[in-house]
N, C-alpha and C. Protein backbone atom coordinates (compact mmCIF):
# COMPACT_ATOMS: atom_id res chain seq x y z
N MET A 1 3.34 -21.73 12.51
CA MET A 1 4.51 -21.00 12.98
C MET A 1 4.16 -20.33 14.31
N ARG A 2 5.07 -20.37 15.22
CA ARG A 2 4.88 -19.80 16.54
C ARG A 2 5.55 -18.44 16.62
N PHE A 3 4.87 -17.45 17.21
CA PHE A 3 5.43 -16.13 17.45
C PHE A 3 5.39 -15.83 18.94
N GLY A 4 6.53 -15.45 19.50
CA GLY A 4 6.59 -14.95 20.87
C GLY A 4 6.51 -13.44 20.85
N PRO A 5 6.42 -12.80 22.00
CA PRO A 5 6.26 -11.35 22.07
C PRO A 5 7.35 -10.54 21.38
N LYS A 6 8.56 -11.08 21.32
CA LYS A 6 9.68 -10.32 20.74
C LYS A 6 10.11 -10.81 19.36
N ASP A 7 9.45 -11.84 18.84
CA ASP A 7 9.82 -12.38 17.53
C ASP A 7 9.45 -11.40 16.43
N PRO A 8 10.38 -11.13 15.50
CA PRO A 8 10.10 -10.14 14.45
C PRO A 8 9.23 -10.69 13.33
N PHE A 9 8.44 -9.80 12.76
CA PHE A 9 7.68 -10.06 11.54
C PHE A 9 7.50 -8.72 10.84
N PHE A 10 6.90 -8.74 9.68
CA PHE A 10 6.73 -7.52 8.90
C PHE A 10 5.25 -7.17 8.83
N MET A 11 4.97 -5.90 8.99
CA MET A 11 3.60 -5.39 8.98
C MET A 11 3.43 -4.47 7.77
N VAL A 12 2.30 -4.61 7.11
CA VAL A 12 1.93 -3.71 6.01
C VAL A 12 0.57 -3.11 6.36
N THR A 13 0.45 -1.79 6.18
CA THR A 13 -0.80 -1.09 6.44
C THR A 13 -1.19 -0.27 5.22
N ASN A 14 -2.43 0.20 5.19
CA ASN A 14 -2.85 1.05 4.09
C ASN A 14 -2.13 2.39 4.15
N PRO A 15 -1.80 2.94 2.98
CA PRO A 15 -1.15 4.24 2.98
C PRO A 15 -2.13 5.39 3.21
N THR A 16 -1.61 6.45 3.79
CA THR A 16 -2.36 7.70 3.86
C THR A 16 -1.99 8.50 2.61
N SER A 17 -2.48 9.70 2.51
CA SER A 17 -2.23 10.49 1.30
C SER A 17 -0.75 10.83 1.09
N ASN A 18 0.04 10.82 2.15
CA ASN A 18 1.46 11.18 1.98
C ASN A 18 2.41 10.08 2.46
N SER A 19 1.92 8.85 2.61
CA SER A 19 2.77 7.74 3.06
C SER A 19 3.80 7.35 2.01
N GLU A 20 4.95 6.90 2.52
CA GLU A 20 5.98 6.30 1.68
C GLU A 20 6.11 4.83 2.09
N LEU A 21 6.90 4.07 1.35
CA LEU A 21 7.03 2.64 1.61
C LEU A 21 7.38 2.34 3.07
N ALA A 22 8.34 3.05 3.63
CA ALA A 22 8.77 2.79 5.01
C ALA A 22 7.66 3.08 6.03
N ASP A 23 6.71 3.91 5.68
CA ASP A 23 5.60 4.23 6.58
C ASP A 23 4.60 3.08 6.68
N ILE A 24 4.49 2.31 5.60
CA ILE A 24 3.44 1.28 5.57
C ILE A 24 3.98 -0.14 5.56
N CYS A 25 5.29 -0.31 5.51
CA CYS A 25 5.93 -1.63 5.52
C CYS A 25 7.10 -1.57 6.49
N PHE A 26 6.95 -2.26 7.61
CA PHE A 26 7.98 -2.15 8.64
C PHE A 26 8.07 -3.43 9.46
N GLU A 27 9.25 -3.62 10.03
CA GLU A 27 9.45 -4.77 10.92
C GLU A 27 8.94 -4.41 12.31
N THR A 28 8.29 -5.36 12.95
CA THR A 28 7.76 -5.14 14.29
C THR A 28 7.71 -6.47 15.02
N SER A 29 7.12 -6.49 16.19
CA SER A 29 6.93 -7.70 16.99
C SER A 29 5.57 -7.57 17.66
N LEU A 30 5.11 -8.63 18.27
CA LEU A 30 3.82 -8.55 18.98
C LEU A 30 3.89 -7.51 20.09
N GLU A 31 5.03 -7.46 20.76
CA GLU A 31 5.22 -6.48 21.84
C GLU A 31 5.10 -5.05 21.29
N ASN A 32 5.78 -4.77 20.18
CA ASN A 32 5.72 -3.43 19.58
C ASN A 32 4.36 -3.16 18.95
N LEU A 33 3.74 -4.19 18.39
CA LEU A 33 2.43 -4.01 17.78
C LEU A 33 1.41 -3.55 18.83
N ALA A 34 1.49 -4.10 20.02
CA ALA A 34 0.58 -3.68 21.10
C ALA A 34 0.74 -2.19 21.38
N LEU A 35 1.98 -1.71 21.37
CA LEU A 35 2.23 -0.28 21.59
C LEU A 35 1.70 0.55 20.42
N GLN A 36 1.88 0.05 19.19
CA GLN A 36 1.40 0.77 18.02
C GLN A 36 -0.12 0.88 18.03
N MET A 37 -0.80 -0.17 18.48
CA MET A 37 -2.26 -0.12 18.56
C MET A 37 -2.69 0.91 19.61
N LYS A 38 -1.98 0.98 20.72
CA LYS A 38 -2.28 1.99 21.74
C LYS A 38 -1.99 3.40 21.21
N GLY A 39 -1.02 3.50 20.30
CA GLY A 39 -0.63 4.78 19.73
C GLY A 39 -1.48 5.25 18.57
N GLY A 40 -2.45 4.44 18.14
CA GLY A 40 -3.34 4.91 17.09
C GLY A 40 -3.51 3.98 15.89
N LEU A 41 -2.64 2.98 15.75
CA LEU A 41 -2.84 2.03 14.66
C LEU A 41 -4.15 1.30 14.90
N SER A 42 -4.99 1.24 13.88
CA SER A 42 -6.28 0.59 14.06
C SER A 42 -6.53 -0.41 12.93
N MET A 43 -7.58 -1.17 13.09
CA MET A 43 -7.95 -2.14 12.06
C MET A 43 -8.38 -1.44 10.77
N ASP A 44 -8.74 -0.16 10.84
CA ASP A 44 -9.09 0.60 9.64
C ASP A 44 -7.91 0.69 8.67
N ALA A 45 -6.68 0.54 9.18
CA ALA A 45 -5.48 0.59 8.34
C ALA A 45 -5.22 -0.75 7.67
N ASP A 46 -6.10 -1.72 7.89
CA ASP A 46 -5.97 -3.06 7.31
C ASP A 46 -4.58 -3.64 7.54
N PRO A 47 -4.13 -3.71 8.79
CA PRO A 47 -2.78 -4.25 9.05
C PRO A 47 -2.71 -5.73 8.68
N THR A 48 -1.62 -6.09 8.00
CA THR A 48 -1.41 -7.45 7.55
C THR A 48 0.00 -7.88 7.92
N MET A 49 0.11 -9.07 8.54
CA MET A 49 1.41 -9.58 8.98
C MET A 49 2.02 -10.48 7.92
N PHE A 50 3.36 -10.38 7.77
CA PHE A 50 4.12 -11.21 6.85
C PHE A 50 5.36 -11.74 7.55
N THR A 51 5.74 -12.96 7.26
CA THR A 51 6.99 -13.49 7.78
C THR A 51 8.14 -13.22 6.81
N ASP A 52 7.82 -12.93 5.56
CA ASP A 52 8.82 -12.71 4.53
C ASP A 52 8.85 -11.23 4.13
N ARG A 53 10.02 -10.61 4.26
CA ARG A 53 10.16 -9.18 3.94
C ARG A 53 9.79 -8.88 2.49
N GLY A 54 10.24 -9.73 1.57
CA GLY A 54 9.96 -9.51 0.15
C GLY A 54 8.47 -9.50 -0.15
N GLU A 55 7.74 -10.44 0.42
CA GLU A 55 6.29 -10.49 0.22
C GLU A 55 5.63 -9.25 0.82
N ALA A 56 6.12 -8.80 1.96
CA ALA A 56 5.56 -7.61 2.59
C ALA A 56 5.79 -6.38 1.70
N GLU A 57 6.98 -6.26 1.14
CA GLU A 57 7.28 -5.11 0.28
C GLU A 57 6.43 -5.12 -0.99
N ILE A 58 6.20 -6.31 -1.55
CA ILE A 58 5.34 -6.39 -2.74
C ILE A 58 3.92 -5.94 -2.39
N ALA A 59 3.40 -6.42 -1.27
CA ALA A 59 2.05 -6.02 -0.85
C ALA A 59 1.98 -4.52 -0.59
N ALA A 60 3.02 -3.97 0.01
CA ALA A 60 3.03 -2.53 0.29
C ALA A 60 3.07 -1.73 -1.01
N HIS A 61 3.90 -2.15 -1.95
CA HIS A 61 3.96 -1.46 -3.26
C HIS A 61 2.60 -1.51 -3.94
N CYS A 62 1.92 -2.65 -3.87
CA CYS A 62 0.58 -2.76 -4.47
C CYS A 62 -0.39 -1.76 -3.85
N ARG A 63 -0.30 -1.58 -2.54
CA ARG A 63 -1.18 -0.61 -1.87
C ARG A 63 -0.85 0.81 -2.30
N LEU A 64 0.44 1.11 -2.49
CA LEU A 64 0.82 2.44 -2.96
C LEU A 64 0.35 2.67 -4.39
N VAL A 65 0.47 1.64 -5.23
CA VAL A 65 -0.01 1.75 -6.61
C VAL A 65 -1.52 1.97 -6.63
N ALA A 66 -2.24 1.24 -5.82
CA ALA A 66 -3.70 1.41 -5.76
C ALA A 66 -4.05 2.84 -5.36
N ARG A 67 -3.29 3.41 -4.41
CA ARG A 67 -3.55 4.79 -4.01
C ARG A 67 -3.34 5.74 -5.18
N GLU A 68 -2.26 5.54 -5.94
CA GLU A 68 -1.97 6.42 -7.06
C GLU A 68 -2.99 6.27 -8.18
N VAL A 69 -3.42 5.04 -8.44
CA VAL A 69 -4.46 4.82 -9.46
C VAL A 69 -5.75 5.51 -9.03
N SER A 70 -6.09 5.39 -7.76
CA SER A 70 -7.29 6.04 -7.24
C SER A 70 -7.20 7.56 -7.42
N ARG A 71 -6.04 8.12 -7.14
CA ARG A 71 -5.84 9.57 -7.33
C ARG A 71 -6.01 9.96 -8.80
N ALA A 72 -5.43 9.14 -9.68
CA ALA A 72 -5.51 9.45 -11.11
C ALA A 72 -6.95 9.39 -11.59
N ILE A 73 -7.69 8.39 -11.16
CA ILE A 73 -9.09 8.26 -11.57
C ILE A 73 -9.90 9.43 -11.01
N ALA A 74 -9.67 9.77 -9.76
CA ALA A 74 -10.39 10.89 -9.15
C ALA A 74 -10.06 12.18 -9.89
N GLY A 75 -8.80 12.35 -10.28
CA GLY A 75 -8.41 13.55 -11.02
C GLY A 75 -9.09 13.65 -12.37
N HIS A 76 -9.18 12.53 -13.07
CA HIS A 76 -9.85 12.53 -14.37
C HIS A 76 -11.35 12.77 -14.21
N SER A 77 -11.94 12.21 -13.18
CA SER A 77 -13.37 12.41 -12.94
C SER A 77 -13.65 13.87 -12.63
N ALA A 78 -12.75 14.50 -11.88
CA ALA A 78 -12.92 15.92 -11.54
C ALA A 78 -12.82 16.79 -12.78
N GLU A 79 -12.06 16.32 -13.79
CA GLU A 79 -11.92 17.07 -15.04
C GLU A 79 -13.07 16.78 -16.00
N GLY A 80 -14.00 15.94 -15.59
CA GLY A 80 -15.15 15.63 -16.42
C GLY A 80 -14.91 14.53 -17.43
N LEU A 81 -13.79 13.82 -17.31
CA LEU A 81 -13.50 12.74 -18.24
C LEU A 81 -14.14 11.44 -17.73
N CYS A 82 -14.68 10.68 -18.65
CA CYS A 82 -15.32 9.41 -18.29
C CYS A 82 -14.32 8.29 -18.55
N LEU A 83 -14.09 7.45 -17.55
CA LEU A 83 -13.14 6.35 -17.70
C LEU A 83 -13.81 5.00 -17.88
N LYS A 84 -15.12 4.98 -18.14
CA LYS A 84 -15.82 3.70 -18.22
C LYS A 84 -15.33 2.84 -19.38
N ASP A 85 -14.76 3.45 -20.42
CA ASP A 85 -14.26 2.69 -21.55
C ASP A 85 -12.76 2.44 -21.49
N ALA A 86 -12.14 2.76 -20.37
CA ALA A 86 -10.69 2.57 -20.23
C ALA A 86 -10.35 1.09 -20.34
N ARG A 87 -9.29 0.79 -21.05
CA ARG A 87 -8.86 -0.59 -21.23
C ARG A 87 -7.54 -0.87 -20.52
N ARG A 88 -6.80 0.19 -20.20
CA ARG A 88 -5.48 0.02 -19.59
C ARG A 88 -5.17 1.23 -18.71
N ILE A 89 -4.50 0.96 -17.61
CA ILE A 89 -4.00 2.02 -16.73
C ILE A 89 -2.49 1.92 -16.71
N GLU A 90 -1.81 3.05 -16.90
CA GLU A 90 -0.36 3.09 -16.82
C GLU A 90 0.04 4.22 -15.90
N ILE A 91 1.06 3.96 -15.08
CA ILE A 91 1.65 5.01 -14.25
C ILE A 91 3.02 5.27 -14.84
N LEU A 92 3.28 6.53 -15.19
CA LEU A 92 4.52 6.92 -15.84
C LEU A 92 5.37 7.77 -14.91
N ASP A 93 6.70 7.70 -15.11
CA ASP A 93 7.56 8.61 -14.36
C ASP A 93 7.60 9.94 -15.10
N GLY A 94 8.40 10.87 -14.62
CA GLY A 94 8.47 12.20 -15.22
C GLY A 94 8.98 12.21 -16.64
N GLU A 95 9.65 11.15 -17.08
CA GLU A 95 10.18 11.07 -18.43
C GLU A 95 9.30 10.24 -19.36
N GLY A 96 8.15 9.81 -18.87
CA GLY A 96 7.23 9.03 -19.67
C GLY A 96 7.48 7.54 -19.67
N LYS A 97 8.43 7.07 -18.87
CA LYS A 97 8.71 5.64 -18.76
C LYS A 97 7.62 4.98 -17.92
N ILE A 98 7.12 3.83 -18.38
CA ILE A 98 6.05 3.13 -17.67
C ILE A 98 6.62 2.49 -16.40
N LEU A 99 6.07 2.90 -15.26
CA LEU A 99 6.45 2.32 -13.99
C LEU A 99 5.54 1.16 -13.64
N PHE A 100 4.28 1.26 -14.05
CA PHE A 100 3.29 0.22 -13.78
C PHE A 100 2.25 0.27 -14.87
N GLY A 101 1.87 -0.88 -15.37
CA GLY A 101 0.82 -0.96 -16.37
C GLY A 101 -0.08 -2.14 -16.09
N ALA A 102 -1.37 -1.94 -16.27
CA ALA A 102 -2.30 -3.04 -16.05
C ALA A 102 -3.46 -2.93 -17.03
N SER A 103 -3.79 -4.05 -17.64
CA SER A 103 -4.99 -4.10 -18.49
C SER A 103 -6.21 -4.21 -17.60
N LEU A 104 -7.28 -3.59 -17.99
CA LEU A 104 -8.51 -3.59 -17.20
C LEU A 104 -9.55 -4.49 -17.83
N GLY A 105 -10.30 -5.16 -17.00
CA GLY A 105 -11.44 -5.95 -17.41
C GLY A 105 -11.11 -6.99 -18.40
């Protein structure tokens, strides 16, 4: 696939501690990407290009979930809990509904 300077694509980057979906998944172009790199976007943010918006949003959601799982694990470790025997991770909403669940190992 060929991309010119103004052709749109979707970019996904790693989230910061307070990022939301729109912060890490956005439409851009090569022309705008050059400006974003000058403005501080770096390879440390693991920027990834997508031609399909849906695929970009799925990748961005996965990065947000990974951030939340990391926070949860860090929180449990700080409380002195050992997670080495954990078999499943679930992220719940305020009402206890499972938003994300994954079996481990």
